[in-house]
Amino acid sequence: MGRLQARALGHPDLPIAVVPHPFGSRTRAEVRQLAEQCVEEVARLVGEAVPQPAPG
């Protein structure tokens, strides 16, 4: 779904962090651990160069 949205908004190469679901069956500690992992992934993705679309 994220890929489709990024493409629709004109950013097909936008890096996307994937978050495991569902959350409802997880404990607070498990959700916290997932969040910490996601923060690391988002920080890594932010540091990557994102190709700019060609003018046209």
N, C-alpha and C. Protein backbone atom coordinates (compact mmCIF):
# COMPACT_ATOMS: atom_id res chain seq x y z
N MET A 1 0.82 -1.19 0.00
CA MET A 1 0.00 0.00 0.00
C MET A 1 0.88 1.26 0.00
N GLY A 2 1.94 1.24 0.79
CA GLY A 2 2.84 2.39 0.83
C GLY A 2 3.48 2.67 -0.52
N ARG A 3 3.87 1.60 -1.22
CA ARG A 3 4.48 1.75 -2.55
C ARG A 3 3.49 2.40 -3.51
N LEU A 4 2.25 1.95 -3.48
CA LEU A 4 1.24 2.52 -4.37
C LEU A 4 1.02 4.00 -4.08
N GLN A 5 0.96 4.34 -2.80
CA GLN A 5 0.75 5.74 -2.41
C GLN A 5 1.94 6.59 -2.84
N ALA A 6 3.16 6.10 -2.61
CA ALA A 6 4.35 6.85 -3.01
C ALA A 6 4.36 7.08 -4.51
N ARG A 7 4.03 6.05 -5.27
CA ARG A 7 3.99 6.16 -6.73
C ARG A 7 2.92 7.17 -7.16
N ALA A 8 1.75 7.09 -6.53
CA ALA A 8 0.66 8.00 -6.89
C ALA A 8 1.02 9.46 -6.60
N LEU A 9 1.87 9.67 -5.60
CA LEU A 9 2.28 11.03 -5.25
C LEU A 9 3.53 11.48 -6.00
N GLY A 10 3.98 10.65 -6.94
CA GLY A 10 5.12 11.03 -7.77
C GLY A 10 6.48 10.71 -7.18
N HIS A 11 6.52 9.81 -6.20
CA HIS A 11 7.78 9.44 -5.55
C HIS A 11 7.94 7.92 -5.53
N PRO A 12 8.05 7.29 -6.70
CA PRO A 12 8.09 5.82 -6.74
C PRO A 12 9.31 5.21 -6.06
N ASP A 13 10.39 5.97 -5.89
CA ASP A 13 11.60 5.43 -5.27
C ASP A 13 11.75 5.83 -3.80
N LEU A 14 10.70 6.37 -3.22
CA LEU A 14 10.75 6.79 -1.82
C LEU A 14 11.01 5.59 -0.92
N PRO A 15 12.01 5.67 -0.04
CA PRO A 15 12.26 4.55 0.88
C PRO A 15 11.09 4.39 1.84
N ILE A 16 10.72 3.16 2.13
CA ILE A 16 9.58 2.89 3.00
C ILE A 16 10.02 1.94 4.11
N ALA A 17 9.71 2.29 5.35
CA ALA A 17 9.96 1.41 6.49
C ALA A 17 8.73 0.52 6.66
N VAL A 18 8.96 -0.77 6.82
CA VAL A 18 7.86 -1.72 6.99
C VAL A 18 7.73 -2.05 8.48
N VAL A 19 6.52 -1.90 9.00
CA VAL A 19 6.25 -2.17 10.41
C VAL A 19 5.40 -3.43 10.50
N PRO A 20 5.86 -4.44 11.25
CA PRO A 20 5.09 -5.68 11.37
C PRO A 20 3.74 -5.44 12.05
N HIS A 21 2.73 -6.12 11.58
CA HIS A 21 1.39 -6.04 12.16
C HIS A 21 0.93 -7.43 12.50
N PRO A 22 -0.05 -7.63 13.31
CA PRO A 22 -0.89 -6.67 14.03
C PRO A 22 -0.24 -6.27 15.36
N PHE A 23 -0.75 -5.20 15.94
CA PHE A 23 -0.26 -4.75 17.24
C PHE A 23 -1.14 -5.25 18.38
N GLY A 24 -2.40 -5.49 18.10
CA GLY A 24 -3.36 -5.83 19.14
C GLY A 24 -3.00 -7.02 20.00
N SER A 25 -2.30 -7.99 19.43
CA SER A 25 -1.97 -9.20 20.19
C SER A 25 -0.60 -9.10 20.86
N ARG A 26 0.07 -7.96 20.74
CA ARG A 26 1.42 -7.81 21.30
C ARG A 26 1.37 -7.10 22.66
N THR A 27 2.35 -7.43 23.50
CA THR A 27 2.47 -6.75 24.78
C THR A 27 3.09 -5.37 24.57
N ARG A 28 3.02 -4.54 25.59
CA ARG A 28 3.65 -3.21 25.51
C ARG A 28 5.15 -3.34 25.24
N ALA A 29 5.77 -4.31 25.88
CA ALA A 29 7.22 -4.51 25.70
C ALA A 29 7.52 -4.89 24.25
N GLU A 30 6.69 -5.73 23.66
CA GLU A 30 6.89 -6.13 22.27
C GLU A 30 6.71 -4.94 21.32
N VAL A 31 5.69 -4.12 21.58
CA VAL A 31 5.44 -2.95 20.74
C VAL A 31 6.60 -1.96 20.89
N ARG A 32 7.11 -1.79 22.10
CA ARG A 32 8.25 -0.90 22.32
C ARG A 32 9.47 -1.40 21.54
N GLN A 33 9.71 -2.71 21.58
CA GLN A 33 10.84 -3.27 20.86
C GLN A 33 10.69 -3.04 19.35
N LEU A 34 9.48 -3.24 18.82
CA LEU A 34 9.23 -2.98 17.40
C LEU A 34 9.48 -1.51 17.07
N ALA A 35 9.01 -0.63 17.95
CA ALA A 35 9.20 0.81 17.72
C ALA A 35 10.68 1.16 17.69
N GLU A 36 11.45 0.60 18.60
CA GLU A 36 12.89 0.88 18.62
C GLU A 36 13.55 0.38 17.34
N GLN A 37 13.14 -0.78 16.86
CA GLN A 37 13.68 -1.30 15.61
C GLN A 37 13.28 -0.40 14.44
N CYS A 38 12.05 0.09 14.45
CA CYS A 38 11.57 0.95 13.37
C CYS A 38 12.32 2.28 13.36
N VAL A 39 12.62 2.82 14.53
CA VAL A 39 13.36 4.07 14.60
C VAL A 39 14.72 3.90 13.93
N GLU A 40 15.37 2.78 14.20
CA GLU A 40 16.67 2.51 13.57
C GLU A 40 16.53 2.43 12.05
N GLU A 41 15.48 1.76 11.59
CA GLU A 41 15.26 1.61 10.15
C GLU A 41 14.95 2.96 9.51
N VAL A 42 14.11 3.76 10.16
CA VAL A 42 13.77 5.08 9.62
C VAL A 42 15.02 5.96 9.56
N ALA A 43 15.84 5.93 10.60
CA ALA A 43 17.08 6.71 10.60
C ALA A 43 17.98 6.28 9.44
N ARG A 44 18.06 4.99 9.19
CA ARG A 44 18.87 4.49 8.07
C ARG A 44 18.31 4.99 6.75
N LEU A 45 16.99 4.91 6.59
CA LEU A 45 16.35 5.33 5.34
C LEU A 45 16.51 6.83 5.11
N VAL A 46 16.42 7.62 6.16
CA VAL A 46 16.56 9.07 6.03
C VAL A 46 17.96 9.42 5.53
N GLY A 47 18.94 8.62 5.92
CA GLY A 47 20.31 8.88 5.51
C GLY A 47 20.61 8.49 4.08
N GLU A 48 19.72 7.74 3.44
CA GLU A 48 19.94 7.33 2.05
C GLU A 48 19.55 8.45 1.09
N ALA A 49 20.28 8.53 0.00
CA ALA A 49 19.93 9.50 -1.04
C ALA A 49 18.71 9.00 -1.78
N VAL A 50 17.75 9.88 -1.99
CA VAL A 50 16.54 9.54 -2.74
C VAL A 50 16.68 10.11 -4.14
N PRO A 51 16.62 9.25 -5.17
CA PRO A 51 16.72 9.77 -6.54
C PRO A 51 15.60 10.76 -6.83
N GLN A 52 15.95 11.84 -7.47
CA GLN A 52 14.97 12.85 -7.85
C GLN A 52 14.37 12.50 -9.21
N PRO A 53 13.06 12.70 -9.38
CA PRO A 53 12.45 12.42 -10.68
C PRO A 53 13.01 13.34 -11.76
N ALA A 54 13.11 12.81 -12.94
CA ALA A 54 13.60 13.60 -14.08
C ALA A 54 12.57 14.67 -14.41
N PRO A 55 13.03 15.88 -14.73
CA PRO A 55 12.08 16.93 -15.12
C PRO A 55 11.35 16.54 -16.40
N GLY A 56 10.14 16.92 -16.46
CA GLY A 56 9.46 16.60 -17.70
C GLY A 56 8.03 16.60 -17.53
